[in-house]
């Protein structure tokens, strides 16, 4: 399976278009002089393998990519959930808006952006 890493001249951003922070990050990235590939996870399917690779490169679990205070998550799981890796992937598949922060990939470096 190919890696989701990019060339050093490209910035890849996984984001949800429903988040103001995510929109600000996209505006900031667009101001760079690099080729940009934006993946709106509300419109594009991200595979479980891709989520796993992103989490591994961010040194976190897939569950850590989810905003557990998001209203959609709270309504589905009452604020707590002890899910398997596949369970967390299913949450992101069904409710991509719960992605806690956009994920930016530049070359083989992965970043979870907490403020633009």
Protein backbone atom coordinates (compact mmCIF):
# COMPACT_ATOMS: atom_id res chain seq x y z
CA UNK A 1 0.00 0.00 0.00
CA UNK A 2 1.45 3.40 -0.94
CA UNK A 3 2.30 5.87 1.79
CA UNK A 4 0.30 9.07 2.21
CA UNK A 5 3.53 11.05 2.58
CA UNK A 6 4.16 13.76 0.00
CA UNK A 7 7.08 15.32 -1.82
CA UNK A 8 8.83 18.14 0.05
CA UNK A 9 7.33 20.61 -2.43
CA UNK A 10 3.75 19.63 -1.63
CA UNK A 11 1.55 20.25 1.36
CA UNK A 12 -1.30 17.81 1.93
CA UNK A 13 -4.05 18.82 4.37
CA UNK A 14 -6.78 16.56 5.76
CA UNK A 15 -9.51 18.77 7.19
CA UNK A 16 -13.24 19.19 7.76
CA UNK A 17 -14.84 22.11 5.93
CA UNK A 18 -17.28 22.54 8.81
CA UNK A 19 -14.63 23.87 11.20
CA UNK A 20 -13.53 27.51 11.35
CA UNK A 21 -10.04 26.48 12.49
CA UNK A 22 -9.77 24.16 9.52
CA UNK A 23 -10.82 26.93 7.13
CA UNK A 24 -8.20 29.25 8.63
CA UNK A 25 -5.49 26.61 8.20
CA UNK A 26 -6.48 26.16 4.54
CA UNK A 27 -6.20 29.93 3.99
CA UNK A 28 -2.77 29.97 5.61
CA UNK A 29 -1.54 27.00 3.57
CA UNK A 30 -2.84 28.58 0.35
CA UNK A 31 -0.51 31.53 1.02
CA UNK A 32 2.54 29.24 0.76
CA UNK A 33 4.55 28.82 -2.41
CA UNK A 34 4.06 25.07 -2.46
CA UNK A 35 1.76 22.76 -4.32
CA UNK A 36 -1.26 22.03 -2.14
CA UNK A 37 -3.59 19.06 -1.97
CA UNK A 38 -6.55 19.57 0.34
CA UNK A 39 -8.71 16.63 1.35
CA UNK A 40 -12.04 17.67 2.84
CA UNK A 41 -12.93 14.59 4.85
CA UNK A 42 -16.61 15.55 4.65
CA UNK A 43 -16.47 15.01 0.89
CA UNK A 44 -13.65 12.49 0.37
CA UNK A 45 -13.40 9.03 1.84
CA UNK A 46 -10.31 8.49 3.97
CA UNK A 47 -9.50 4.82 4.44
CA UNK A 48 -8.84 3.14 7.75
CA UNK A 49 -5.28 2.49 6.60
CA UNK A 50 -4.78 6.22 5.98
CA UNK A 51 -6.16 7.12 9.42
CA UNK A 52 -3.88 4.53 10.99
CA UNK A 53 -0.82 5.87 9.14
CA UNK A 54 -1.64 9.44 10.16
CA UNK A 55 -2.09 8.48 13.81
CA UNK A 56 1.15 6.47 13.82
CA UNK A 57 3.09 9.36 12.28
CA UNK A 58 1.57 11.74 14.83
CA UNK A 59 2.51 9.33 17.65
CA UNK A 60 -1.05 9.02 18.85
CA UNK A 61 -4.00 6.66 18.65
CA UNK A 62 -6.82 7.07 16.15
CA UNK A 63 -9.09 7.91 19.08
CA UNK A 64 -6.82 10.88 19.86
CA UNK A 65 -7.75 12.37 16.46
CA UNK A 66 -11.36 12.70 17.60
CA UNK A 67 -12.81 15.68 19.45
CA UNK A 68 -14.65 13.92 22.25
CA UNK A 69 -16.29 17.23 23.25
CA UNK A 70 -17.82 17.70 19.78
CA UNK A 71 -21.66 17.79 19.98
CA UNK A 72 -21.98 14.98 17.40
CA UNK A 73 -19.64 12.74 19.41
CA UNK A 74 -21.39 13.61 22.67
CA UNK A 75 -24.81 12.80 21.19
CA UNK A 76 -23.63 9.41 19.91
CA UNK A 77 -21.42 8.29 22.79
CA UNK A 78 -22.47 10.41 25.80
CA UNK A 79 -18.97 11.83 25.99
CA UNK A 80 -17.17 8.56 26.58
CA UNK A 81 -16.29 5.57 24.49
CA UNK A 82 -13.86 2.70 24.78
CA UNK A 83 -13.60 1.68 21.16
CA UNK A 84 -11.25 -0.52 19.20
CA UNK A 85 -9.11 0.95 16.45
CA UNK A 86 -11.79 -0.09 13.94
CA UNK A 87 -14.45 1.53 16.13
CA UNK A 88 -12.61 4.86 16.10
CA UNK A 89 -12.20 4.60 12.32
CA UNK A 90 -15.94 4.02 12.03
CA UNK A 91 -16.60 7.17 14.08
CA UNK A 92 -14.45 9.20 11.64
CA UNK A 93 -16.12 7.54 8.64
CA UNK A 94 -19.63 8.27 9.88
CA UNK A 95 -18.94 11.66 11.49
CA UNK A 96 -15.84 13.24 9.90
CA UNK A 97 -16.68 16.57 11.49
CA UNK A 98 -15.39 15.20 14.82
CA UNK A 99 -11.76 15.32 13.60
CA UNK A 100 -10.17 17.33 16.37
CA UNK A 101 -7.68 19.32 14.25
CA UNK A 102 -6.56 19.42 10.63
CA UNK A 103 -3.64 17.17 9.72
CA UNK A 104 -0.90 18.64 7.55
CA UNK A 105 1.66 16.48 5.77
CA UNK A 106 4.81 17.95 4.26
CA UNK A 107 7.12 15.30 2.85
CA UNK A 108 7.37 12.67 5.56
CA UNK A 109 6.49 15.08 8.41
CA UNK A 110 3.00 14.97 9.93
CA UNK A 111 1.47 17.77 11.99
CA UNK A 112 -1.84 18.14 13.78
CA UNK A 113 -2.51 21.88 13.68
CA UNK A 114 -4.05 23.28 16.86
CA UNK A 115 -4.03 26.94 15.85
CA UNK A 116 -3.52 28.56 12.48
